[in-house]
């Protein structure tokens, strides 16, 4: 067991420094969309850099959406998620991202990982949209399920079902 000689890794949640924390967060939230996510450690440098870049881009978008959400509440307007996504992207500063991460990841509030499901606002609760990582986080991915002999292979999540 050669891994016993390595020093233990520090928890990245101690300080919300975006690049270091982003790698940890990405492996939790959306890494299941590729086959190498569950393969263990020792990934290539390019894959790790791409992972960090994607996570930082997601944090940037999340921080911007959170700011729009907070502003809508302060002004008394309702928050329109789809309209907020259509707005031209404005980059968030590192300080804004760090502030967003420290606020959103406090205990008792929103969890630091998750997925988004948009459902119809009527009695049908029809699925309108979902985030890319929804199937993995809801354990609906094909690699999570055990097929039976009489089951038909269907997509794990579909729109308008």
N, C-alpha and C. Protein backbone atom coordinates (compact mmCIF):
# COMPACT_ATOMS: atom_id res chain seq x y z
N UNK A 1 0.83 -1.19 0.00
CA UNK A 1 0.00 0.00 0.00
C UNK A 1 0.87 1.25 0.00
N UNK A 2 1.24 1.70 -1.16
CA UNK A 2 2.10 2.87 -1.28
C UNK A 2 1.37 4.15 -0.91
N UNK A 3 0.04 4.16 -0.96
CA UNK A 3 -0.69 5.39 -0.68
C UNK A 3 -0.63 5.78 0.79
N UNK A 4 -0.23 4.86 1.68
CA UNK A 4 -0.14 5.18 3.10
C UNK A 4 0.97 6.18 3.39
N UNK A 5 1.98 6.28 2.52
CA UNK A 5 3.10 7.17 2.77
C UNK A 5 2.80 8.60 2.36
N UNK A 6 1.71 8.86 1.66
CA UNK A 6 1.38 10.21 1.24
C UNK A 6 0.73 10.97 2.39
N UNK A 7 0.99 12.28 2.46
CA UNK A 7 0.30 13.07 3.49
C UNK A 7 -1.17 13.22 3.10
N UNK A 8 -2.07 13.32 4.06
CA UNK A 8 -3.49 13.45 3.74
C UNK A 8 -3.76 14.78 3.04
N UNK A 9 -4.74 14.77 2.14
CA UNK A 9 -5.11 16.00 1.44
C UNK A 9 -5.95 16.86 2.36
N UNK A 10 -5.78 18.18 2.24
CA UNK A 10 -6.58 19.10 3.02
C UNK A 10 -7.92 19.31 2.35
N UNK A 11 -8.91 19.55 3.14
CA UNK A 11 -10.25 19.78 2.60
C UNK A 11 -10.28 21.12 1.87
N UNK A 12 -10.73 21.13 0.61
CA UNK A 12 -10.79 22.40 -0.11
C UNK A 12 -11.91 23.31 0.37
N UNK A 13 -12.78 22.85 1.23
CA UNK A 13 -13.87 23.70 1.69
C UNK A 13 -13.45 24.68 2.78
N UNK A 14 -12.19 24.60 3.24
CA UNK A 14 -11.73 25.51 4.27
C UNK A 14 -11.73 26.95 3.78
N UNK A 15 -11.31 27.19 2.54
CA UNK A 15 -11.32 28.53 1.95
C UNK A 15 -11.89 28.42 0.55
N UNK A 16 -12.80 29.29 0.17
CA UNK A 16 -13.40 29.20 -1.16
C UNK A 16 -12.53 29.82 -2.25
N UNK A 17 -11.34 29.30 -2.45
CA UNK A 17 -10.48 29.75 -3.53
C UNK A 17 -10.94 29.02 -4.77
N UNK A 18 -11.43 29.74 -5.75
CA UNK A 18 -12.13 29.14 -6.88
C UNK A 18 -11.36 28.05 -7.61
N UNK A 19 -10.12 28.26 -8.10
CA UNK A 19 -9.50 27.19 -8.89
C UNK A 19 -9.28 25.90 -8.11
N UNK A 20 -8.80 25.99 -6.86
CA UNK A 20 -8.55 24.77 -6.10
C UNK A 20 -9.86 24.08 -5.76
N UNK A 21 -10.84 24.85 -5.30
CA UNK A 21 -12.12 24.27 -4.92
C UNK A 21 -12.89 23.80 -6.14
N UNK A 22 -12.70 24.50 -7.25
CA UNK A 22 -13.46 24.17 -8.45
C UNK A 22 -13.18 22.74 -8.91
N UNK A 23 -11.95 22.27 -8.80
CA UNK A 23 -11.63 20.91 -9.24
C UNK A 23 -12.39 19.91 -8.38
N UNK A 24 -12.43 20.14 -7.08
CA UNK A 24 -13.15 19.24 -6.18
C UNK A 24 -14.64 19.26 -6.49
N UNK A 25 -15.19 20.45 -6.68
CA UNK A 25 -16.63 20.57 -6.92
C UNK A 25 -17.02 19.89 -8.23
N UNK A 26 -16.24 20.08 -9.27
CA UNK A 26 -16.59 19.51 -10.58
C UNK A 26 -16.64 18.00 -10.50
N UNK A 27 -15.72 17.40 -9.78
CA UNK A 27 -15.73 15.95 -9.71
C UNK A 27 -16.98 15.45 -9.00
N UNK A 28 -17.59 16.28 -8.17
CA UNK A 28 -18.81 15.89 -7.48
C UNK A 28 -20.04 16.14 -8.34
N UNK A 29 -20.10 17.31 -9.02
CA UNK A 29 -21.36 17.71 -9.61
C UNK A 29 -21.58 17.26 -11.03
N UNK A 30 -20.59 17.34 -11.88
CA UNK A 30 -20.88 17.03 -13.27
C UNK A 30 -19.89 16.07 -13.88
N UNK A 31 -19.02 15.50 -13.08
CA UNK A 31 -18.02 14.58 -13.61
C UNK A 31 -18.62 13.31 -14.16
N UNK A 32 -19.83 12.95 -13.77
CA UNK A 32 -20.43 11.72 -14.23
C UNK A 32 -20.83 11.74 -15.70
N UNK A 33 -20.74 12.89 -16.35
CA UNK A 33 -21.14 12.96 -17.75
C UNK A 33 -20.09 12.37 -18.67
N UNK A 34 -18.92 12.07 -18.16
CA UNK A 34 -17.89 11.43 -18.97
C UNK A 34 -17.52 10.12 -18.32
N UNK A 35 -16.96 9.21 -19.10
CA UNK A 35 -16.66 7.88 -18.57
C UNK A 35 -15.46 7.88 -17.65
N UNK A 36 -14.63 8.91 -17.69
CA UNK A 36 -13.44 8.89 -16.85
C UNK A 36 -13.68 9.43 -15.45
N UNK A 37 -14.88 9.90 -15.15
CA UNK A 37 -15.15 10.49 -13.85
C UNK A 37 -14.98 9.49 -12.72
N UNK A 38 -15.41 8.27 -12.91
CA UNK A 38 -15.33 7.28 -11.84
C UNK A 38 -14.09 6.43 -11.92
N UNK A 39 -13.13 6.79 -12.76
CA UNK A 39 -11.97 5.95 -12.98
C UNK A 39 -10.92 6.07 -11.90
N UNK A 40 -11.08 6.98 -10.97
CA UNK A 40 -10.10 7.12 -9.91
C UNK A 40 -9.12 8.23 -10.20
N UNK A 41 -8.06 8.32 -9.42
CA UNK A 41 -7.07 9.39 -9.54
C UNK A 41 -6.11 9.15 -10.67
N UNK A 42 -5.16 10.05 -10.80
CA UNK A 42 -4.10 9.90 -11.78
C UNK A 42 -4.48 10.34 -13.16
N UNK A 43 -5.46 11.23 -13.31
CA UNK A 43 -5.86 11.71 -14.62
C UNK A 43 -4.79 12.59 -15.23
N UNK A 44 -4.87 12.80 -16.52
CA UNK A 44 -3.90 13.62 -17.22
C UNK A 44 -4.02 15.08 -16.87
N UNK A 45 -2.96 15.83 -17.11
CA UNK A 45 -2.94 17.25 -16.80
C UNK A 45 -3.95 18.03 -17.62
N UNK A 46 -4.11 17.68 -18.90
CA UNK A 46 -5.05 18.39 -19.76
C UNK A 46 -6.48 18.18 -19.29
N UNK A 47 -6.81 16.96 -18.87
CA UNK A 47 -8.16 16.68 -18.38
C UNK A 47 -8.43 17.45 -17.10
N UNK A 48 -7.44 17.53 -16.22
CA UNK A 48 -7.62 18.26 -14.97
C UNK A 48 -7.80 19.75 -15.24
N UNK A 49 -7.04 20.29 -16.19
CA UNK A 49 -7.16 21.70 -16.54
C UNK A 49 -8.53 21.98 -17.13
N UNK A 50 -9.01 21.10 -17.99
CA UNK A 50 -10.33 21.25 -18.59
C UNK A 50 -11.41 21.18 -17.50
N UNK A 51 -11.24 20.29 -16.55
CA UNK A 51 -12.18 20.14 -15.46
C UNK A 51 -12.27 21.42 -14.63
N UNK A 52 -11.12 21.99 -14.32
CA UNK A 52 -11.08 23.23 -13.54
C UNK A 52 -11.71 24.37 -14.34
N UNK A 53 -11.40 24.44 -15.64
CA UNK A 53 -11.95 25.51 -16.48
C UNK A 53 -13.48 25.44 -16.53
N UNK A 54 -14.01 24.23 -16.68
CA UNK A 54 -15.47 24.07 -16.72
C UNK A 54 -16.09 24.47 -15.39
N UNK A 55 -15.47 24.07 -14.30
CA UNK A 55 -16.03 24.39 -12.99
C UNK A 55 -15.99 25.89 -12.73
N UNK A 56 -14.89 26.55 -13.10
CA UNK A 56 -14.79 27.99 -12.90
C UNK A 56 -15.84 28.70 -13.76
N UNK A 57 -16.04 28.24 -14.99
CA UNK A 57 -17.08 28.83 -15.84
C UNK A 57 -18.45 28.65 -15.21
N UNK A 58 -18.71 27.48 -14.62
CA UNK A 58 -19.99 27.24 -13.97
C UNK A 58 -20.16 28.13 -12.75
N UNK A 59 -19.08 28.28 -11.95
CA UNK A 59 -19.15 29.17 -10.79
C UNK A 59 -19.44 30.60 -11.23
N UNK A 60 -18.83 31.03 -12.34
CA UNK A 60 -19.06 32.37 -12.86
C UNK A 60 -20.54 32.56 -13.18
N UNK A 61 -21.12 31.60 -13.89
CA UNK A 61 -22.54 31.67 -14.24
C UNK A 61 -23.41 31.62 -12.98
N UNK A 62 -23.09 30.71 -12.06
CA UNK A 62 -23.87 30.59 -10.83
C UNK A 62 -23.83 31.89 -10.02
N UNK A 63 -22.64 32.50 -9.93
CA UNK A 63 -22.50 33.75 -9.17
C UNK A 63 -23.34 34.86 -9.81
N UNK A 64 -23.33 34.93 -11.15
CA UNK A 64 -24.12 35.95 -11.85
C UNK A 64 -25.61 35.71 -11.63
N UNK A 65 -26.06 34.46 -11.78
CA UNK A 65 -27.48 34.15 -11.57
C UNK A 65 -27.91 34.44 -10.13
N UNK A 66 -27.03 34.13 -9.19
CA UNK A 66 -27.36 34.39 -7.79
C UNK A 66 -27.51 35.89 -7.55
N UNK A 67 -26.63 36.70 -8.16
CA UNK A 67 -26.73 38.15 -8.00
C UNK A 67 -28.04 38.67 -8.59
N UNK A 68 -28.44 38.17 -9.76
CA UNK A 68 -29.71 38.58 -10.37
C UNK A 68 -30.87 38.15 -9.48
N UNK A 69 -30.80 36.95 -8.92
CA UNK A 69 -31.84 36.46 -8.02
C UNK A 69 -31.97 37.36 -6.80
N UNK A 70 -30.84 37.71 -6.19
CA UNK A 70 -30.86 38.58 -5.00
C UNK A 70 -31.43 39.96 -5.35
N UNK A 71 -31.04 40.51 -6.51
CA UNK A 71 -31.54 41.82 -6.92
C UNK A 71 -33.04 41.79 -7.16
N UNK A 72 -33.54 40.70 -7.73
CA UNK A 72 -34.98 40.61 -7.99
C UNK A 72 -35.76 40.58 -6.68
N UNK A 73 -35.23 39.89 -5.68
CA UNK A 73 -35.90 39.85 -4.39
C UNK A 73 -35.89 41.19 -3.70
N UNK A 74 -34.77 41.91 -3.79
CA UNK A 74 -34.66 43.21 -3.15
C UNK A 74 -35.58 44.24 -3.81
N UNK A 75 -35.81 44.10 -5.11
CA UNK A 75 -36.65 45.07 -5.82
C UNK A 75 -38.12 44.67 -5.84
N UNK A 76 -38.44 43.48 -5.34
CA UNK A 76 -39.83 43.02 -5.31
C UNK A 76 -40.29 42.36 -6.60
N UNK A 77 -39.41 42.23 -7.57
CA UNK A 77 -39.77 41.56 -8.82
C UNK A 77 -39.61 40.06 -8.65
N UNK A 78 -40.30 39.30 -9.50
CA UNK A 78 -40.11 37.85 -9.47
C UNK A 78 -38.87 37.50 -10.28
N UNK A 79 -38.24 36.41 -9.94
CA UNK A 79 -37.02 35.97 -10.62
C UNK A 79 -37.40 35.10 -11.80
N UNK A 80 -36.93 35.46 -12.99
CA UNK A 80 -37.18 34.69 -14.20
C UNK A 80 -35.87 34.03 -14.62
N UNK A 81 -35.73 32.75 -14.29
CA UNK A 81 -34.49 32.02 -14.55
C UNK A 81 -34.16 31.99 -16.04
N UNK A 82 -35.14 31.66 -16.89
CA UNK A 82 -34.85 31.54 -18.32
C UNK A 82 -34.46 32.88 -18.93
N UNK A 83 -35.09 33.96 -18.49
CA UNK A 83 -34.70 35.28 -19.00
C UNK A 83 -33.31 35.65 -18.50
N UNK A 84 -32.98 35.27 -17.30
CA UNK A 84 -31.65 35.57 -16.76
C UNK A 84 -30.56 34.85 -17.54
N UNK A 85 -30.86 33.65 -18.01
CA UNK A 85 -29.88 32.91 -18.81
C UNK A 85 -29.69 33.53 -20.19
N UNK A 86 -30.73 34.16 -20.73
CA UNK A 86 -30.63 34.78 -22.06
C UNK A 86 -29.86 36.09 -22.04
N UNK A 87 -29.73 36.70 -20.88
CA UNK A 87 -29.02 37.98 -20.78
C UNK A 87 -27.56 37.78 -21.18
N UNK A 88 -26.96 38.81 -21.78
CA UNK A 88 -25.55 38.66 -22.17
C UNK A 88 -24.69 38.38 -20.94
N UNK A 89 -23.77 37.42 -21.05
CA UNK A 89 -22.94 37.08 -19.90
C UNK A 89 -22.01 38.21 -19.50
N UNK A 90 -21.95 38.45 -18.22
CA UNK A 90 -21.00 39.42 -17.68
C UNK A 90 -20.09 38.66 -16.74
N UNK A 91 -18.78 38.75 -16.95
CA UNK A 91 -17.87 37.99 -16.11
C UNK A 91 -17.90 38.47 -14.66
N UNK A 92 -17.81 37.53 -13.76
CA UNK A 92 -17.74 37.84 -12.33
C UNK A 92 -16.28 37.90 -11.92
N UNK A 93 -15.98 38.79 -10.99
CA UNK A 93 -14.61 38.87 -10.49
C UNK A 93 -14.34 37.69 -9.55
N UNK A 94 -13.07 37.44 -9.29
CA UNK A 94 -12.72 36.36 -8.35
C UNK A 94 -13.33 36.62 -6.99
N UNK A 95 -13.39 37.89 -6.59
CA UNK A 95 -13.98 38.23 -5.29
C UNK A 95 -15.47 37.90 -5.27
N UNK A 96 -16.17 38.18 -6.39
CA UNK A 96 -17.60 37.86 -6.44
C UNK A 96 -17.84 36.36 -6.38
N UNK A 97 -17.00 35.60 -7.08
CA UNK A 97 -17.14 34.14 -7.07
C UNK A 97 -16.85 33.60 -5.67
N UNK A 98 -15.77 34.09 -5.05
CA UNK A 98 -15.42 33.64 -3.70
C UNK A 98 -16.53 33.99 -2.71
N UNK A 99 -17.10 35.19 -2.83
CA UNK A 99 -18.19 35.59 -1.94
C UNK A 99 -19.42 34.71 -2.16
N UNK A 100 -19.71 34.42 -3.42
CA UNK A 100 -20.85 33.54 -3.74
C UNK A 100 -20.64 32.16 -3.13
N UNK A 101 -19.44 31.59 -3.32
CA UNK A 101 -19.16 30.25 -2.80
C UNK A 101 -19.25 30.21 -1.28
N UNK A 102 -18.70 31.21 -0.61
CA UNK A 102 -18.73 31.19 0.85
C UNK A 102 -20.16 31.34 1.36
N UNK A 103 -20.97 32.12 0.66
CA UNK A 103 -22.36 32.31 1.10
C UNK A 103 -23.22 31.08 0.81
N UNK A 104 -23.08 30.52 -0.36
CA UNK A 104 -23.96 29.43 -0.79
C UNK A 104 -23.62 28.12 -0.09
N UNK A 105 -22.40 27.97 0.38
CA UNK A 105 -21.98 26.70 0.98
C UNK A 105 -22.02 26.70 2.50
N UNK A 106 -22.65 27.69 3.09
CA UNK A 106 -22.80 27.68 4.55
C UNK A 106 -23.72 26.55 4.97
N UNK A 107 -23.45 25.99 6.13
CA UNK A 107 -24.30 24.92 6.63
C UNK A 107 -25.73 25.40 6.80
N UNK A 108 -26.68 24.52 6.51
CA UNK A 108 -28.08 24.87 6.65
C UNK A 108 -28.67 25.59 5.46
N UNK A 109 -27.86 25.83 4.45
CA UNK A 109 -28.34 26.50 3.25
C UNK A 109 -28.21 25.53 2.07
N UNK A 110 -28.17 26.07 0.88
CA UNK A 110 -28.09 25.25 -0.32
C UNK A 110 -26.81 24.44 -0.32
N UNK A 111 -26.89 23.19 -0.71
CA UNK A 111 -25.72 22.32 -0.75
C UNK A 111 -24.77 22.75 -1.85
N UNK A 112 -23.46 22.45 -1.72
CA UNK A 112 -22.49 22.88 -2.72
C UNK A 112 -22.54 22.08 -4.01
N UNK A 113 -23.38 21.09 -4.10
CA UNK A 113 -23.52 20.37 -5.35
C UNK A 113 -24.99 20.04 -5.52
N UNK A 114 -25.36 19.81 -6.73
CA UNK A 114 -26.75 19.50 -6.99
C UNK A 114 -27.04 19.56 -8.47
N UNK A 115 -28.29 19.48 -8.80
CA UNK A 115 -28.70 19.57 -10.20
C UNK A 115 -29.95 20.44 -10.26
N UNK A 116 -30.31 20.81 -11.47
CA UNK A 116 -31.48 21.65 -11.66
C UNK A 116 -32.54 20.90 -12.45
N UNK A 117 -33.76 20.95 -11.96
CA UNK A 117 -34.91 20.40 -12.67
C UNK A 117 -35.94 21.52 -12.78
N UNK A 118 -36.42 21.77 -13.98
CA UNK A 118 -37.49 22.74 -14.19
C UNK A 118 -38.77 21.96 -14.48
N UNK A 119 -39.78 22.18 -13.66
CA UNK A 119 -41.04 21.44 -13.82
C UNK A 119 -42.17 22.42 -14.10
N UNK A 120 -43.21 21.92 -14.75
CA UNK A 120 -44.38 22.74 -15.08
C UNK A 120 -45.07 23.17 -13.79
N UNK A 121 -45.55 24.39 -13.79
CA UNK A 121 -46.21 24.96 -12.62
C UNK A 121 -47.71 24.66 -12.66
N UNK A 122 -48.03 23.39 -12.77
CA UNK A 122 -49.42 22.97 -12.75
C UNK A 122 -49.49 21.60 -12.07
N UNK A 123 -50.61 20.98 -12.09
CA UNK A 123 -50.76 19.71 -11.38
C UNK A 123 -50.00 18.56 -12.04
N UNK A 124 -49.54 18.75 -13.28
CA UNK A 124 -48.84 17.65 -13.97
C UNK A 124 -47.39 17.51 -13.52
N UNK A 125 -46.78 18.59 -13.06
CA UNK A 125 -45.36 18.60 -12.70
C UNK A 125 -44.50 18.01 -13.83
N UNK A 126 -44.87 18.32 -15.07
CA UNK A 126 -44.14 17.84 -16.24
C UNK A 126 -42.73 18.41 -16.25
N UNK A 127 -41.76 17.59 -16.57
CA UNK A 127 -40.36 18.01 -16.62
C UNK A 127 -40.14 18.87 -17.86
N UNK A 128 -39.70 20.11 -17.66
CA UNK A 128 -39.48 21.04 -18.77
C UNK A 128 -38.02 21.07 -19.19
N UNK A 129 -37.12 21.01 -18.23
CA UNK A 129 -35.69 21.06 -18.52
C UNK A 129 -34.93 20.48 -17.34
N UNK A 130 -33.69 20.10 -17.59
CA UNK A 130 -32.84 19.57 -16.52
C UNK A 130 -31.39 19.88 -16.84
N UNK A 131 -30.58 19.96 -15.80
CA UNK A 131 -29.16 20.23 -15.99
C UNK A 131 -28.45 18.98 -16.49
N UNK A 132 -27.28 19.19 -17.07
CA UNK A 132 -26.52 18.09 -17.67
C UNK A 132 -26.19 16.99 -16.66
N UNK A 133 -25.98 17.37 -15.41
CA UNK A 133 -25.58 16.39 -14.40
C UNK A 133 -26.76 15.75 -13.67
N UNK A 134 -27.99 16.05 -14.06
CA UNK A 134 -29.17 15.55 -13.34
C UNK A 134 -29.24 14.03 -13.32
N UNK A 135 -28.99 13.40 -14.44
CA UNK A 135 -29.10 11.93 -14.49
C UNK A 135 -28.12 11.27 -13.54
N UNK A 136 -26.90 11.78 -13.48
CA UNK A 136 -25.90 11.19 -12.59
C UNK A 136 -26.24 11.42 -11.12
N UNK A 137 -26.62 12.64 -10.77
CA UNK A 137 -26.90 12.93 -9.36
C UNK A 137 -28.18 12.28 -8.87
N UNK A 138 -29.09 12.00 -9.77
CA UNK A 138 -30.33 11.32 -9.38
C UNK A 138 -30.24 9.81 -9.58
N UNK A 139 -29.05 9.33 -9.84
CA UNK A 139 -28.79 7.90 -10.05
C UNK A 139 -29.66 7.32 -11.16
N UNK A 140 -29.80 8.06 -12.26
CA UNK A 140 -30.59 7.60 -13.39
C UNK A 140 -29.73 7.24 -14.58
N UNK A 141 -28.41 7.32 -14.44
CA UNK A 141 -27.51 7.01 -15.55
C UNK A 141 -27.50 5.52 -15.81
N UNK A 142 -27.29 5.12 -17.06
CA UNK A 142 -27.26 3.69 -17.39
C UNK A 142 -26.24 2.91 -16.57
N UNK A 143 -25.11 3.53 -16.25
CA UNK A 143 -24.11 2.79 -15.48
C UNK A 143 -24.50 2.62 -14.02
N UNK A 144 -25.55 3.32 -13.56
CA UNK A 144 -26.02 3.17 -12.18
C UNK A 144 -27.12 2.12 -12.06
N UNK A 145 -27.78 1.81 -13.15
CA UNK A 145 -28.93 0.92 -13.05
C UNK A 145 -28.56 -0.51 -13.44
N UNK A 146 -29.30 -1.43 -12.91
CA UNK A 146 -29.11 -2.84 -13.24
C UNK A 146 -30.28 -3.25 -14.11
N UNK A 147 -30.02 -3.60 -15.37
CA UNK A 147 -31.13 -3.94 -16.27
C UNK A 147 -31.74 -5.28 -15.91
N UNK A 148 -33.02 -5.42 -16.18
CA UNK A 148 -33.67 -6.71 -16.02
C UNK A 148 -33.90 -7.29 -17.41
N UNK A 149 -34.22 -8.57 -17.48
CA UNK A 149 -34.37 -9.23 -18.77
C UNK A 149 -35.54 -8.68 -19.58
N UNK A 150 -36.61 -8.25 -18.90
CA UNK A 150 -37.79 -7.78 -19.62
C UNK A 150 -37.84 -6.26 -19.75
N UNK A 151 -36.80 -5.54 -19.35
CA UNK A 151 -36.83 -4.08 -19.43
C UNK A 151 -36.37 -3.61 -20.81
N UNK A 152 -36.96 -2.51 -21.24
CA UNK A 152 -36.59 -1.88 -22.50
C UNK A 152 -35.69 -0.71 -22.17
N UNK A 153 -34.59 -0.57 -22.91
CA UNK A 153 -33.65 0.52 -22.66
C UNK A 153 -34.28 1.85 -23.07
N UNK A 154 -34.55 2.71 -22.09
CA UNK A 154 -35.10 4.03 -22.33
C UNK A 154 -34.09 5.07 -21.85
N UNK A 155 -34.13 6.28 -22.41
CA UNK A 155 -33.25 7.31 -21.88
C UNK A 155 -33.59 7.56 -20.42
N UNK A 156 -32.60 7.81 -19.57
CA UNK A 156 -32.85 7.95 -18.13
C UNK A 156 -33.73 9.15 -17.78
N UNK A 157 -33.59 10.25 -18.50
CA UNK A 157 -34.39 11.44 -18.24
C UNK A 157 -34.79 11.99 -19.60
N UNK A 158 -36.04 12.35 -19.76
CA UNK A 158 -36.46 12.91 -21.04
C UNK A 158 -37.39 14.09 -20.81
N UNK A 159 -37.43 14.99 -21.78
CA UNK A 159 -38.29 16.17 -21.69
C UNK A 159 -39.68 15.85 -22.19
N UNK A 160 -40.67 16.44 -21.55
CA UNK A 160 -42.05 16.31 -21.99
C UNK A 160 -42.64 14.94 -21.82
N UNK A 161 -42.07 14.14 -20.95
CA UNK A 161 -42.56 12.76 -20.76
C UNK A 161 -43.86 12.74 -20.01
